[in-house]
Amino acid sequence: MWYENVRFEDNVTDACSIRRAEWRFMSMKERIIDAFLRNVAHSSREKVRKRESSW
């Protein structure tokens, strides 16, 4: 498995390093989809925040 290649300091499973490792081993298509979905989620949150602040 891919995570056997990932070194953890003192065996601490850091969620961020796992995420970075997943990102590194993802295929290009998955990477594009992941980034797209994250941008969509981020922009929808921004819209909600703007709407709340305009009240």
N, C-alpha and C. Protein backbone atom coordinates (compact mmCIF):
# COMPACT_ATOMS: atom_id res chain seq x y z
N MET A 1 0.83 -1.21 0.00
CA MET A 1 0.00 0.00 0.00
C MET A 1 0.87 1.26 0.00
N TRP A 2 0.26 2.36 -0.46
CA TRP A 2 1.03 3.60 -0.61
C TRP A 2 1.55 4.12 0.72
N TYR A 3 0.81 3.92 1.81
CA TYR A 3 1.20 4.56 3.06
C TYR A 3 2.40 3.89 3.72
N GLU A 4 2.80 2.71 3.20
CA GLU A 4 4.01 2.08 3.71
C GLU A 4 5.24 2.90 3.34
N ASN A 5 5.12 3.70 2.28
CA ASN A 5 6.24 4.54 1.84
C ASN A 5 6.31 5.87 2.60
N VAL A 6 5.28 6.16 3.38
CA VAL A 6 5.22 7.43 4.09
C VAL A 6 5.83 7.27 5.47
N ARG A 7 6.76 8.15 5.81
CA ARG A 7 7.39 8.09 7.13
C ARG A 7 6.67 9.03 8.08
N PHE A 8 6.35 8.55 9.26
CA PHE A 8 5.74 9.38 10.28
C PHE A 8 6.76 9.62 11.39
N GLU A 9 6.85 10.86 11.86
CA GLU A 9 7.73 11.15 12.99
C GLU A 9 7.16 10.48 14.23
N ASP A 10 7.95 9.61 14.84
CA ASP A 10 7.56 8.91 16.07
C ASP A 10 6.21 8.19 15.93
N ASN A 11 5.95 7.68 14.72
CA ASN A 11 4.72 6.92 14.45
C ASN A 11 3.44 7.72 14.72
N VAL A 12 3.54 9.02 14.69
CA VAL A 12 2.34 9.85 14.86
C VAL A 12 1.67 9.96 13.50
N THR A 13 0.45 9.44 13.42
CA THR A 13 -0.27 9.50 12.15
C THR A 13 -0.92 10.87 12.03
N ASP A 14 -0.23 11.73 11.36
CA ASP A 14 -0.70 13.10 11.17
C ASP A 14 -1.65 13.13 9.98
N ALA A 15 -2.85 13.61 10.21
CA ALA A 15 -3.87 13.63 9.16
C ALA A 15 -3.39 14.44 7.95
N CYS A 16 -2.65 15.52 8.21
CA CYS A 16 -2.18 16.36 7.11
C CYS A 16 -1.15 15.62 6.26
N SER A 17 -0.26 14.88 6.88
CA SER A 17 0.75 14.16 6.11
C SER A 17 0.11 13.01 5.34
N ILE A 18 -0.93 12.40 5.93
CA ILE A 18 -1.66 11.36 5.22
C ILE A 18 -2.34 11.98 3.99
N ARG A 19 -2.94 13.14 4.18
CA ARG A 19 -3.61 13.84 3.08
C ARG A 19 -2.62 14.18 1.98
N ARG A 20 -1.43 14.68 2.37
CA ARG A 20 -0.41 15.01 1.38
C ARG A 20 0.04 13.77 0.64
N ALA A 21 0.18 12.66 1.37
CA ALA A 21 0.59 11.40 0.75
C ALA A 21 -0.47 10.92 -0.23
N GLU A 22 -1.73 11.00 0.18
CA GLU A 22 -2.82 10.63 -0.72
C GLU A 22 -2.77 11.48 -1.98
N TRP A 23 -2.55 12.78 -1.79
CA TRP A 23 -2.48 13.71 -2.91
C TRP A 23 -1.36 13.32 -3.86
N ARG A 24 -0.20 12.95 -3.30
CA ARG A 24 0.95 12.60 -4.11
C ARG A 24 0.70 11.35 -4.93
N PHE A 25 -0.04 10.39 -4.35
CA PHE A 25 -0.25 9.12 -5.02
C PHE A 25 -1.53 9.09 -5.86
N MET A 26 -2.29 10.15 -5.81
CA MET A 26 -3.50 10.21 -6.62
C MET A 26 -3.15 10.34 -8.10
N SER A 27 -4.01 9.81 -8.92
CA SER A 27 -3.84 10.02 -10.35
C SER A 27 -4.20 11.46 -10.70
N MET A 28 -3.79 11.89 -11.88
CA MET A 28 -4.02 13.27 -12.28
C MET A 28 -5.51 13.58 -12.34
N LYS A 29 -6.31 12.63 -12.83
CA LYS A 29 -7.75 12.85 -12.94
C LYS A 29 -8.36 13.04 -11.56
N GLU A 30 -8.01 12.16 -10.62
CA GLU A 30 -8.52 12.28 -9.26
C GLU A 30 -8.10 13.60 -8.64
N ARG A 31 -6.86 14.03 -8.95
CA ARG A 31 -6.35 15.28 -8.40
C ARG A 31 -7.17 16.47 -8.89
N ILE A 32 -7.49 16.46 -10.19
CA ILE A 32 -8.28 17.55 -10.77
C ILE A 32 -9.68 17.56 -10.15
N ILE A 33 -10.30 16.37 -10.04
CA ILE A 33 -11.64 16.27 -9.46
C ILE A 33 -11.63 16.74 -8.02
N ASP A 34 -10.61 16.31 -7.26
CA ASP A 34 -10.49 16.69 -5.85
C ASP A 34 -10.37 18.19 -5.70
N ALA A 35 -9.50 18.79 -6.51
CA ALA A 35 -9.31 20.24 -6.45
C ALA A 35 -10.59 20.97 -6.85
N PHE A 36 -11.27 20.46 -7.89
CA PHE A 36 -12.51 21.08 -8.35
C PHE A 36 -13.57 21.04 -7.26
N LEU A 37 -13.75 19.88 -6.63
CA LEU A 37 -14.75 19.75 -5.57
C LEU A 37 -14.42 20.65 -4.39
N ARG A 38 -13.13 20.76 -4.09
CA ARG A 38 -12.74 21.61 -2.96
C ARG A 38 -13.00 23.08 -3.29
N ASN A 39 -12.75 23.47 -4.54
CA ASN A 39 -13.04 24.86 -4.95
C ASN A 39 -14.53 25.15 -4.90
N VAL A 40 -15.34 24.19 -5.32
CA VAL A 40 -16.79 24.37 -5.29
C VAL A 40 -17.26 24.53 -3.85
N ALA A 41 -16.77 23.67 -2.96
CA ALA A 41 -17.15 23.75 -1.56
C ALA A 41 -16.70 25.08 -0.96
N HIS A 42 -15.50 25.51 -1.31
CA HIS A 42 -14.97 26.75 -0.76
C HIS A 42 -15.78 27.95 -1.25
N SER A 43 -16.07 27.98 -2.55
CA SER A 43 -16.80 29.12 -3.10
C SER A 43 -18.22 29.19 -2.56
N SER A 44 -18.85 28.03 -2.33
CA SER A 44 -20.20 28.05 -1.77
C SER A 44 -20.18 28.56 -0.34
N ARG A 45 -19.14 28.20 0.43
CA ARG A 45 -18.99 28.73 1.79
C ARG A 45 -18.79 30.24 1.75
N GLU A 46 -17.98 30.71 0.81
CA GLU A 46 -17.75 32.16 0.69
C GLU A 46 -19.05 32.89 0.38
N LYS A 47 -19.87 32.31 -0.51
CA LYS A 47 -21.15 32.94 -0.85
C LYS A 47 -22.04 33.03 0.37
N VAL A 48 -22.09 31.95 1.14
CA VAL A 48 -22.91 31.95 2.36
C VAL A 48 -22.41 33.02 3.32
N ARG A 49 -21.08 33.11 3.46
CA ARG A 49 -20.51 34.09 4.38
C ARG A 49 -20.83 35.51 3.92
N LYS A 50 -20.76 35.76 2.62
CA LYS A 50 -21.09 37.09 2.09
C LYS A 50 -22.56 37.41 2.32
N ARG A 51 -23.41 36.41 2.11
CA ARG A 51 -24.85 36.62 2.29
C ARG A 51 -25.15 36.93 3.76
N GLU A 52 -24.49 36.21 4.67
CA GLU A 52 -24.71 36.46 6.10
C GLU A 52 -24.21 37.84 6.51
N SER A 53 -23.08 38.26 5.92
CA SER A 53 -22.53 39.56 6.31
C SER A 53 -23.31 40.73 5.71
N SER A 54 -24.08 40.45 4.63
CA SER A 54 -24.85 41.54 4.01
C SER A 54 -26.15 41.81 4.74
N TRP A 55 -26.55 40.93 5.66
CA TRP A 55 -27.78 41.16 6.41
C TRP A 55 -27.64 42.33 7.35
